[in-house]
Amino acid sequence: MAEKKGKVLTKAALVEQISKKTKMTKKETETTLNSLFMTIKETLKRGQKIQLIPFGSFEVRHRKARNGRNPRTGAKITIRARKIAAFRPGKALKEAVR
């Protein structure tokens, strides 16, 4: 297993762990991982949902416009409606984390 760097698994450490498990080179692993990230991003950009059973699912959620406050001045502000990327863990991932 890669060295622990605090409590964060960096992309480089993830590439190292995956390459050891798959017997792929680090360069091949990084290319594959980058392709995965790019595919997820492009799919969400089109408004589609990604289901990776039993890992979880990625989707785009819509947030309505709402009122808020500027933390520095306390003045009321309007927060515009927007889309956000969201991840919902699957049952197996939830149980593994418990």
PDB file of N, CA and C in Angstrom:
ATOM      1  N   MET A   1       0.839  -1.180   0.000  1.00  0.00           N
ATOM      2  CA  MET A   1       0.000   0.000   0.000  1.00  0.00           C
ATOM      3  C   MET A   1       0.881   1.239   0.000  1.00  0.00           C
ATOM      4  N   ALA A   2       0.390   2.297  -0.623  1.00  0.00           N
ATOM      5  CA  ALA A   2       1.160   3.535  -0.686  1.00  0.00           C
ATOM      6  C   ALA A   2       1.265   4.156   0.709  1.00  0.00           C
ATOM      7  N   GLU A   3       2.272   5.005   0.854  1.00  0.00           N
ATOM      8  CA  GLU A   3       2.446   5.681   2.130  1.00  0.00           C
ATOM      9  C   GLU A   3       1.263   6.601   2.396  1.00  0.00           C
ATOM     10  N   LYS A   4       0.898   6.695   3.656  1.00  0.00           N
ATOM     11  CA  LYS A   4      -0.185   7.598   4.024  1.00  0.00           C
ATOM     12  C   LYS A   4       0.368   9.010   4.085  1.00  0.00           C
ATOM     13  N   LYS A   5      -0.317   9.914   3.450  1.00  0.00           N
ATOM     14  CA  LYS A   5       0.082  11.318   3.459  1.00  0.00           C
ATOM     15  C   LYS A   5      -1.056  12.061   4.126  1.00  0.00           C
ATOM     16  N   GLY A   6      -1.047  12.105   5.446  1.00  0.00           N
ATOM     17  CA  GLY A   6      -2.179  12.646   6.180  1.00  0.00           C
ATOM     18  C   GLY A   6      -3.334  11.672   6.039  1.00  0.00           C
ATOM     19  N   LYS A   7      -4.509  12.203   5.781  1.00  0.00           N
ATOM     20  CA  LYS A   7      -5.659  11.353   5.572  1.00  0.00           C
ATOM     21  C   LYS A   7      -6.206  11.510   4.164  1.00  0.00           C
ATOM     22  N   VAL A   8      -5.365  11.966   3.250  1.00  0.00           N
ATOM     23  CA  VAL A   8      -5.787  12.211   1.875  1.00  0.00           C
ATOM     24  C   VAL A   8      -5.044  11.268   0.941  1.00  0.00           C
ATOM     25  N   LEU A   9      -5.787  10.597   0.074  1.00  0.00           N
ATOM     26  CA  LEU A   9      -5.177   9.760  -0.952  1.00  0.00           C
ATOM     27  C   LEU A   9      -5.053  10.620  -2.199  1.00  0.00           C
ATOM     28  N   THR A  10      -3.840  10.970  -2.574  1.00  0.00           N
ATOM     29  CA  THR A  10      -3.623  11.825  -3.737  1.00  0.00           C
ATOM     30  C   THR A  10      -3.790  11.013  -5.015  1.00  0.00           C
ATOM     31  N   LYS A  11      -3.914  11.729  -6.130  1.00  0.00           N
ATOM     32  CA  LYS A  11      -4.046  11.059  -7.415  1.00  0.00           C
ATOM     33  C   LYS A  11      -2.816  10.195  -7.703  1.00  0.00           C
ATOM     34  N   ALA A  12      -1.639  10.705  -7.386  1.00  0.00           N
ATOM     35  CA  ALA A  12      -0.402   9.952  -7.614  1.00  0.00           C
ATOM     36  C   ALA A  12      -0.385   8.665  -6.796  1.00  0.00           C
ATOM     37  N   ALA A  13      -0.825   8.734  -5.546  1.00  0.00           N
ATOM     38  CA  ALA A  13      -0.862   7.539  -4.702  1.00  0.00           C
ATOM     39  C   ALA A  13      -1.921   6.562  -5.200  1.00  0.00           C
ATOM     40  N   LEU A  14      -3.034   7.075  -5.693  1.00  0.00           N
ATOM     41  CA  LEU A  14      -4.082   6.221  -6.250  1.00  0.00           C
ATOM     42  C   LEU A  14      -3.572   5.503  -7.492  1.00  0.00           C
ATOM     43  N   VAL A  15      -2.874   6.227  -8.347  1.00  0.00           N
ATOM     44  CA  VAL A  15      -2.285   5.623  -9.553  1.00  0.00           C
ATOM     45  C   VAL A  15      -1.318   4.518  -9.149  1.00  0.00           C
ATOM     46  N   GLU A  16      -0.506   4.769  -8.146  1.00  0.00           N
ATOM     47  CA  GLU A  16       0.472   3.775  -7.682  1.00  0.00           C
ATOM     48  C   GLU A  16      -0.226   2.512  -7.178  1.00  0.00           C
ATOM     49  N   GLN A  17      -1.267   2.684  -6.367  1.00  0.00           N
ATOM     50  CA  GLN A  17      -1.995   1.531  -5.824  1.00  0.00           C
ATOM     51  C   GLN A  17      -2.670   0.724  -6.925  1.00  0.00           C
ATOM     52  N   ILE A  18      -3.313   1.417  -7.856  1.00  0.00           N
ATOM     53  CA  ILE A  18      -3.997   0.719  -8.946  1.00  0.00           C
ATOM     54  C   ILE A  18      -3.000  -0.015  -9.827  1.00  0.00           C
ATOM     55  N   SER A  19      -1.863   0.624 -10.121  1.00  0.00           N
ATOM     56  CA  SER A  19      -0.872  -0.021 -10.993  1.00  0.00           C
ATOM     57  C   SER A  19      -0.304  -1.289 -10.357  1.00  0.00           C
ATOM     58  N   LYS A  20      -0.150  -1.285  -9.048  1.00  0.00           N
ATOM     59  CA  LYS A  20       0.334  -2.491  -8.363  1.00  0.00           C
ATOM     60  C   LYS A  20      -0.695  -3.617  -8.439  1.00  0.00           C
ATOM     61  N   LYS A  21      -1.971  -3.271  -8.257  1.00  0.00           N
ATOM     62  CA  LYS A  21      -3.022  -4.289  -8.269  1.00  0.00           C
ATOM     63  C   LYS A  21      -3.291  -4.837  -9.660  1.00  0.00           C
ATOM     64  N   THR A  22      -3.150  -3.997 -10.688  1.00  0.00           N
ATOM     65  CA  THR A  22      -3.481  -4.428 -12.051  1.00  0.00           C
ATOM     66  C   THR A  22      -2.269  -4.876 -12.854  1.00  0.00           C
ATOM     67  N   LYS A  23      -1.071  -4.659 -12.318  1.00  0.00           N
ATOM     68  CA  LYS A  23       0.184  -4.977 -13.013  1.00  0.00           C
ATOM     69  C   LYS A  23       0.362  -4.124 -14.278  1.00  0.00           C
ATOM     70  N   MET A  24      -0.315  -2.974 -14.326  1.00  0.00           N
ATOM     71  CA  MET A  24      -0.136  -2.025 -15.424  1.00  0.00           C
ATOM     72  C   MET A  24       0.963  -1.056 -15.031  1.00  0.00           C
ATOM     73  N   THR A  25       1.554  -0.392 -16.031  1.00  0.00           N
ATOM     74  CA  THR A  25       2.536   0.633 -15.701  1.00  0.00           C
ATOM     75  C   THR A  25       1.810   1.834 -15.111  1.00  0.00           C
ATOM     76  N   LYS A  26       2.559   2.674 -14.422  1.00  0.00           N
ATOM     77  CA  LYS A  26       1.955   3.870 -13.836  1.00  0.00           C
ATOM     78  C   LYS A  26       1.406   4.784 -14.931  1.00  0.00           C
ATOM     79  N   LYS A  27       2.113   4.854 -16.051  1.00  0.00           N
ATOM     80  CA  LYS A  27       1.671   5.705 -17.165  1.00  0.00           C
ATOM     81  C   LYS A  27       0.357   5.184 -17.740  1.00  0.00           C
ATOM     82  N   GLU A  28       0.245   3.877 -17.929  1.00  0.00           N
ATOM     83  CA  GLU A  28      -1.006   3.286 -18.436  1.00  0.00           C
ATOM     84  C   GLU A  28      -2.147   3.523 -17.435  1.00  0.00           C
ATOM     85  N   THR A  29      -1.829   3.354 -16.169  1.00  0.00           N
ATOM     86  CA  THR A  29      -2.838   3.539 -15.129  1.00  0.00           C
ATOM     87  C   THR A  29      -3.313   4.982 -15.093  1.00  0.00           C
ATOM     88  N   GLU A  30      -2.377   5.927 -15.180  1.00  0.00           N
ATOM     89  CA  GLU A  30      -2.760   7.331 -15.151  1.00  0.00           C
ATOM     90  C   GLU A  30      -3.607   7.701 -16.368  1.00  0.00           C
ATOM     91  N   THR A  31      -3.256   7.167 -17.534  1.00  0.00           N
ATOM     92  CA  THR A  31      -4.040   7.414 -18.742  1.00  0.00           C
ATOM     93  C   THR A  31      -5.459   6.866 -18.586  1.00  0.00           C
ATOM     94  N   THR A  32      -5.571   5.676 -18.031  1.00  0.00           N
ATOM     95  CA  THR A  32      -6.882   5.065 -17.809  1.00  0.00           C
ATOM     96  C   THR A  32      -7.695   5.880 -16.810  1.00  0.00           C
ATOM     97  N   LEU A  33      -7.063   6.292 -15.732  1.00  0.00           N
ATOM     98  CA  LEU A  33      -7.754   7.077 -14.700  1.00  0.00           C
ATOM     99  C   LEU A  33      -8.205   8.431 -15.265  1.00  0.00           C
ATOM    100  N   ASN A  34      -7.341   9.079 -16.037  1.00  0.00           N
ATOM    101  CA  ASN A  34      -7.712  10.352 -16.661  1.00  0.00           C
ATOM    102  C   ASN A  34      -8.871  10.170 -17.634  1.00  0.00           C
ATOM    103  N   SER A  35      -8.882   9.058 -18.358  1.00  0.00           N
ATOM    104  CA  SER A  35      -9.979   8.768 -19.280  1.00  0.00           C
ATOM    105  C   SER A  35     -11.278   8.569 -18.519  1.00  0.00           C
ATOM    106  N   LEU A  36     -11.206   7.904 -17.376  1.00  0.00           N
ATOM    107  CA  LEU A  36     -12.388   7.710 -16.532  1.00  0.00           C
ATOM    108  C   LEU A  36     -12.929   9.051 -16.066  1.00  0.00           C
ATOM    109  N   PHE A  37     -12.055   9.911 -15.546  1.00  0.00           N
ATOM    110  CA  PHE A  37     -12.480  11.227 -15.068  1.00  0.00           C
ATOM    111  C   PHE A  37     -13.104  12.052 -16.197  1.00  0.00           C
ATOM    112  N   MET A  38     -12.479  12.017 -17.373  1.00  0.00           N
ATOM    113  CA  MET A  38     -12.969  12.785 -18.508  1.00  0.00           C
ATOM    114  C   MET A  38     -14.345  12.272 -18.951  1.00  0.00           C
ATOM    115  N   THR A  39     -14.518  10.965 -18.969  1.00  0.00           N
ATOM    116  CA  THR A  39     -15.796  10.372 -19.366  1.00  0.00           C
ATOM    117  C   THR A  39     -16.894  10.736 -18.375  1.00  0.00           C
ATOM    118  N   ILE A  40     -16.587  10.689 -17.089  1.00  0.00           N
ATOM    119  CA  ILE A  40     -17.571  11.078 -16.072  1.00  0.00           C
ATOM    120  C   ILE A  40     -17.954  12.541 -16.263  1.00  0.00           C
ATOM    121  N   LYS A  41     -16.970  13.407 -16.454  1.00  0.00           N
ATOM    122  CA  LYS A  41     -17.222  14.835 -16.634  1.00  0.00           C
ATOM    123  C   LYS A  41     -18.090  15.094 -17.869  1.00  0.00           C
ATOM    124  N   GLU A  42     -17.758  14.467 -18.992  1.00  0.00           N
ATOM    125  CA  GLU A  42     -18.503  14.675 -20.233  1.00  0.00           C
ATOM    126  C   GLU A  42     -19.936  14.157 -20.117  1.00  0.00           C
ATOM    127  N   THR A  43     -20.110  13.028 -19.451  1.00  0.00           N
ATOM    128  CA  THR A  43     -21.439  12.448 -19.284  1.00  0.00           C
ATOM    129  C   THR A  43     -22.313  13.343 -18.418  1.00  0.00           C
ATOM    130  N   LEU A  44     -21.759  13.848 -17.313  1.00  0.00           N
ATOM    131  CA  LEU A  44     -22.515  14.750 -16.448  1.00  0.00           C
ATOM    132  C   LEU A  44     -22.819  16.066 -17.156  1.00  0.00           C
ATOM    133  N   LYS A  45     -21.898  16.532 -17.974  1.00  0.00           N
ATOM    134  CA  LYS A  45     -22.101  17.768 -18.716  1.00  0.00           C
ATOM    135  C   LYS A  45     -23.296  17.647 -19.659  1.00  0.00           C
ATOM    136  N   ARG A  46     -23.517  16.441 -20.198  1.00  0.00           N
ATOM    137  CA  ARG A  46     -24.681  16.190 -21.065  1.00  0.00           C
ATOM    138  C   ARG A  46     -25.962  16.005 -20.258  1.00  0.00           C
ATOM    139  N   GLY A  47     -25.844  16.009 -18.918  1.00  0.00           N
ATOM    140  CA  GLY A  47     -27.018  15.861 -18.069  1.00  0.00           C
ATOM    141  C   GLY A  47     -27.418  14.423 -17.808  1.00  0.00           C
ATOM    142  N   GLN A  48     -26.542  13.483 -18.147  1.00  0.00           N
ATOM    143  CA  GLN A  48     -26.833  12.075 -17.940  1.00  0.00           C
ATOM    144  C   GLN A  48     -26.337  11.604 -16.578  1.00  0.00           C
ATOM    145  N   LYS A  49     -26.933  10.538 -16.100  1.00  0.00           N
ATOM    146  CA  LYS A  49     -26.561   9.940 -14.819  1.00  0.00           C
ATOM    147  C   LYS A  49     -25.633   8.751 -15.081  1.00  0.00           C
ATOM    148  N   ILE A  50     -24.719   8.504 -14.154  1.00  0.00           N
ATOM    149  CA  ILE A  50     -23.797   7.374 -14.255  1.00  0.00           C
ATOM    150  C   ILE A  50     -24.046   6.463 -13.062  1.00  0.00           C
ATOM    151  N   GLN A  51     -24.355   5.190 -13.325  1.00  0.00           N
ATOM    152  CA  GLN A  51     -24.567   4.226 -12.251  1.00  0.00           C
ATOM    153  C   GLN A  51     -23.473   3.175 -12.301  1.00  0.00           C
ATOM    154  N   LEU A  52     -22.741   3.051 -11.208  1.00  0.00           N
ATOM    155  CA  LEU A  52     -21.680   2.059 -11.080  1.00  0.00           C
ATOM    156  C   LEU A  52     -22.061   1.135  -9.932  1.00  0.00           C
ATOM    157  N   ILE A  53     -22.905   0.174 -10.237  1.00  0.00           N
ATOM    158  CA  ILE A  53     -23.426  -0.733  -9.212  1.00  0.00           C
ATOM    159  C   ILE A  53     -22.314  -1.684  -8.807  1.00  0.00           C
ATOM    160  N   PRO A  54     -22.015  -1.920  -7.572  1.00  0.00           N
ATOM    161  CA  PRO A  54     -22.612  -1.453  -6.333  1.00  0.00           C
ATOM    162  C   PRO A  54     -21.884  -0.251  -5.730  1.00  0.00           C
ATOM    163  N   PHE A  55     -20.976   0.383  -6.494  1.00  0.00           N
ATOM    164  CA  PHE A  55     -20.166   1.478  -5.971  1.00  0.00           C
ATOM    165  C   PHE A  55     -20.986   2.724  -5.651  1.00  0.00           C
ATOM    166  N   GLY A  56     -21.755   3.199  -6.626  1.00  0.00           N
ATOM    167  CA  GLY A  56     -22.564   4.392  -6.413  1.00  0.00           C
ATOM    168  C   GLY A  56     -22.948   5.028  -7.731  1.00  0.00           C
ATOM    169  N   SER A  57     -23.511   6.229  -7.666  1.00  0.00           N
ATOM    170  CA  SER A  57     -23.930   6.901  -8.890  1.00  0.00           C
ATOM    171  C   SER A  57     -23.588   8.383  -8.832  1.00  0.00           C
ATOM    172  N   PHE A  58     -23.287   8.910 -10.009  1.00  0.00           N
ATOM    173  CA  PHE A  58     -23.018  10.327 -10.191  1.00  0.00           C
ATOM    174  C   PHE A  58     -24.203  10.916 -10.939  1.00  0.00           C
ATOM    175  N   GLU A  59     -24.605  12.126 -10.560  1.00  0.00           N
ATOM    176  CA  GLU A  59     -25.708  12.767 -11.255  1.00  0.00           C
ATOM    177  C   GLU A  59     -25.580  14.278 -11.134  1.00  0.00           C
ATOM    178  N   VAL A  60     -26.337  14.981 -11.963  1.00  0.00           N
ATOM    179  CA  VAL A  60     -26.393  16.435 -11.900  1.00  0.00           C
ATOM    180  C   VAL A  60     -27.669  16.788 -11.147  1.00  0.00           C
ATOM    181  N   ARG A  61     -27.527  17.616 -10.142  1.00  0.00           N
ATOM    182  CA  ARG A  61     -28.686  18.080  -9.383  1.00  0.00           C
ATOM    183  C   ARG A  61     -28.868  19.576  -9.627  1.00  0.00           C
ATOM    184  N   HIS A  62     -30.110  20.010  -9.550  1.00  0.00           N
ATOM    185  CA  HIS A  62     -30.439  21.414  -9.767  1.00  0.00           C
ATOM    186  C   HIS A  62     -30.755  22.059  -8.428  1.00  0.00           C
ATOM    187  N   ARG A  63     -30.097  23.142  -8.140  1.00  0.00           N
ATOM    188  CA  ARG A  63     -30.383  23.914  -6.926  1.00  0.00           C
ATOM    189  C   ARG A  63     -31.190  25.141  -7.314  1.00  0.00           C
ATOM    190  N   LYS A  64     -32.240  25.382  -6.586  1.00  0.00           N
ATOM    191  CA  LYS A  64     -33.074  26.546  -6.846  1.00  0.00           C
ATOM    192  C   LYS A  64     -32.373  27.805  -6.365  1.00  0.00           C
ATOM    193  N   ALA A  65     -32.789  28.936  -6.925  1.00  0.00           N
ATOM    194  CA  ALA A  65     -32.283  30.227  -6.445  1.00  0.00           C
ATOM    195  C   ALA A  65     -32.780  30.412  -5.015  1.00  0.00           C
ATOM    196  N   ARG A  66     -31.967  31.080  -4.207  1.00  0.00           N
ATOM    197  CA  ARG A  66     -32.353  31.278  -2.815  1.00  0.00           C
ATOM    198  C   ARG A  66     -31.724  32.548  -2.279  1.00  0.00           C
ATOM    199  N   ASN A  67     -32.201  32.970  -1.135  1.00  0.00           N
ATOM    200  CA  ASN A  67     -31.645  34.148  -0.483  1.00  0.00           C
ATOM    201  C   ASN A  67     -30.592  33.711   0.527  1.00  0.00           C
ATOM    202  N   GLY A  68     -29.577  34.537   0.668  1.00  0.00           N
ATOM    203  CA  GLY A  68     -28.519  34.248   1.630  1.00  0.00           C
ATOM    204  C   GLY A  68     -28.004  35.540   2.226  1.00  0.00           C
ATOM    205  N   ARG A  69     -26.948  35.435   2.995  1.00  0.00           N
ATOM    206  CA  ARG A  69     -26.339  36.619   3.611  1.00  0.00           C
ATOM    207  C   ARG A  69     -24.838  36.611   3.346  1.00  0.00           C
ATOM    208  N   ASN A  70     -24.314  37.794   3.100  1.00  0.00           N
ATOM    209  CA  ASN A  70     -22.878  37.954   2.955  1.00  0.00           C
ATOM    210  C   ASN A  70     -22.279  37.792   4.355  1.00  0.00           C
ATOM    211  N   PRO A  71     -21.377  36.829   4.566  1.00  0.00           N
ATOM    212  CA  PRO A  71     -20.848  36.596   5.909  1.00  0.00           C
ATOM    213  C   PRO A  71     -20.047  37.771   6.484  1.00  0.00           C
ATOM    214  N   ARG A  72     -19.469  38.584   5.640  1.00  0.00           N
ATOM    215  CA  ARG A  72     -18.680  39.720   6.132  1.00  0.00           C
ATOM    216  C   ARG A  72     -19.554  40.902   6.538  1.00  0.00           C
ATOM    217  N   THR A  73     -20.516  41.227   5.666  1.00  0.00           N
ATOM    218  CA  THR A  73     -21.308  42.438   5.907  1.00  0.00           C
ATOM    219  C   THR A  73     -22.685  42.153   6.498  1.00  0.00           C
ATOM    220  N   GLY A  74     -23.156  40.926   6.334  1.00  0.00           N
ATOM    221  CA  GLY A  74     -24.495  40.594   6.814  1.00  0.00           C
ATOM    222  C   GLY A  74     -25.586  41.029   5.851  1.00  0.00           C
ATOM    223  N   ALA A  75     -25.200  41.618   4.723  1.00  0.00           N
ATOM    224  CA  ALA A  75     -26.178  42.079   3.732  1.00  0.00           C
ATOM    225  C   ALA A  75     -26.848  40.892   3.045  1.00  0.00           C
ATOM    226  N   LYS A  76     -28.137  41.065   2.708  1.00  0.00           N
ATOM    227  CA  LYS A  76     -28.865  40.017   2.004  1.00  0.00           C
ATOM    228  C   LYS A  76     -28.377  39.944   0.565  1.00  0.00           C
ATOM    229  N   ILE A  77     -28.213  38.711   0.065  1.00  0.00           N
ATOM    230  CA  ILE A  77     -27.819  38.508  -1.325  1.00  0.00           C
ATOM    231  C   ILE A  77     -28.705  37.435  -1.927  1.00  0.00           C
ATOM    232  N   THR A  78     -28.811  37.427  -3.247  1.00  0.00           N
ATOM    233  CA  THR A  78     -29.556  36.389  -3.944  1.00  0.00           C
ATOM    234  C   THR A  78     -28.547  35.416  -4.541  1.00  0.00           C
ATOM    235  N   ILE A  79     -28.716  34.161  -4.225  1.00  0.00           N
ATOM    236  CA  ILE A  79     -27.845  33.116  -4.765  1.00  0.00           C
ATOM    237  C   ILE A  79     -28.575  32.513  -5.953  1.00  0.00           C
ATOM    238  N   ARG A  80     -27.955  32.592  -7.127  1.00  0.00           N
ATOM    239  CA  ARG A  80     -28.592  32.131  -8.356  1.00  0.00           C
ATOM    240  C   ARG A  80     -28.805  30.620  -8.371  1.00  0.00           C
ATOM    241  N   ALA A  81     -29.770  30.173  -9.174  1.00  0.00           N
ATOM    242  CA  ALA A  81     -29.988  28.750  -9.395  1.00  0.00           C
ATOM    243  C   ALA A  81     -28.765  28.206 -10.132  1.00  0.00           C
ATOM    244  N   ARG A  82     -28.448  26.949  -9.876  1.00  0.00           N
ATOM    245  CA  ARG A  82     -27.296  26.352 -10.554  1.00  0.00           C
ATOM    246  C   ARG A  82     -27.383  24.842 -10.550  1.00  0.00           C
ATOM    247  N   LYS A  83     -26.519  24.252 -11.336  1.00  0.00           N
ATOM    248  CA  LYS A  83     -26.415  22.799 -11.398  1.00  0.00           C
ATOM    249  C   LYS A  83     -25.171  22.392 -10.622  1.00  0.00           C
ATOM    250  N   ILE A  84     -25.246  21.254  -9.931  1.00  0.00           N
ATOM    251  CA  ILE A  84     -24.079  20.747  -9.216  1.00  0.00           C
ATOM    252  C   ILE A  84     -23.905  19.264  -9.513  1.00  0.00           C
ATOM    253  N   ALA A  85     -22.684  18.797  -9.479  1.00  0.00           N
ATOM    254  CA  ALA A  85     -22.399  17.378  -9.614  1.00  0.00           C
ATOM    255  C   ALA A  85     -22.535  16.749  -8.235  1.00  0.00           C
ATOM    256  N   ALA A  86     -23.184  15.598  -8.186  1.00  0.00           N
ATOM    257  CA  ALA A  86     -23.393  14.939  -6.896  1.00  0.00           C
ATOM    258  C   ALA A  86     -23.075  13.452  -7.020  1.00  0.00           C
ATOM    259  N   PHE A  87     -22.615  12.881  -5.919  1.00  0.00           N
ATOM    260  CA  PHE A  87     -22.325  11.443  -5.860  1.00  0.00           C
ATOM    261  C   PHE A  87     -23.158  10.838  -4.750  1.00  0.00           C
ATOM    262  N   ARG A  88     -23.805   9.733  -5.060  1.00  0.00           N
ATOM    263  CA  ARG A  88     -24.568   8.997  -4.052  1.00  0.00           C
ATOM    264  C   ARG A  88     -23.938   7.606  -3.934  1.00  0.00           C
ATOM    265  N   PRO A  89     -23.385   7.276  -2.769  1.00  0.00           N
ATOM    266  CA  PRO A  89     -22.743   5.969  -2.619  1.00  0.00           C
ATOM    267  C   PRO A  89     -23.759   4.835  -2.683  1.00  0.00           C
ATOM    268  N   GLY A  90     -23.321   3.700  -3.230  1.00  0.00           N
ATOM    269  CA  GLY A  90     -24.156   2.507  -3.291  1.00  0.00           C
ATOM    270  C   GLY A  90     -24.123   1.761  -1.962  1.00  0.00           C
ATOM    271  N   LYS A  91     -24.964   0.753  -1.881  1.00  0.00           N
ATOM    272  CA  LYS A  91     -25.109  -0.011  -0.644  1.00  0.00           C
ATOM    273  C   LYS A  91     -23.772  -0.645  -0.207  1.00  0.00           C
ATOM    274  N   ALA A  92     -23.067  -1.246  -1.145  1.00  0.00           N
ATOM    275  CA  ALA A  92     -21.810  -1.917  -0.802  1.00  0.00           C
ATOM    276  C   ALA A  92     -20.770  -0.920  -0.281  1.00  0.00           C
ATOM    277  N   LEU A  93     -20.710   0.257  -0.874  1.00  0.00           N
ATOM    278  CA  LEU A  93     -19.754   1.259  -0.416  1.00  0.00           C
ATOM    279  C   LEU A  93     -20.137   1.777   0.970  1.00  0.00           C
ATOM    280  N   LYS A  94     -21.411   1.996   1.194  1.00  0.00           N
ATOM    281  CA  LYS A  94     -21.874   2.443   2.512  1.00  0.00           C
ATOM    282  C   LYS A  94     -21.502   1.429   3.588  1.00  0.00           C
ATOM    283  N   GLU A  95     -21.723   0.150   3.300  1.00  0.00           N
ATOM    284  CA  GLU A  95     -21.431  -0.896   4.278  1.00  0.00           C
ATOM    285  C   GLU A  95     -19.932  -1.032   4.509  1.00  0.00           C
ATOM    286  N   ALA A  96     -19.132  -0.834   3.460  1.00  0.00           N
ATOM    287  CA  ALA A  96     -17.677  -0.955   3.595  1.00  0.00           C
ATOM    288  C   ALA A  96     -17.104   0.148   4.482  1.00  0.00           C
ATOM    289  N   VAL A  97     -17.719   1.311   4.463  1.00  0.00           N
ATOM    290  CA  VAL A  97     -17.218   2.461   5.202  1.00  0.00           C
ATOM    291  C   VAL A  97     -17.616   2.372   6.681  1.00  0.00           C
ATOM    292  N   ARG A  98     -18.680   1.699   6.986  1.00  0.00           N
ATOM    293  CA  ARG A  98     -19.160   1.617   8.371  1.00  0.00           C
ATOM    294  C   ARG A  98     -18.154   1.021   9.288  1.00  0.00           C
TER     295      ARG A  98
END
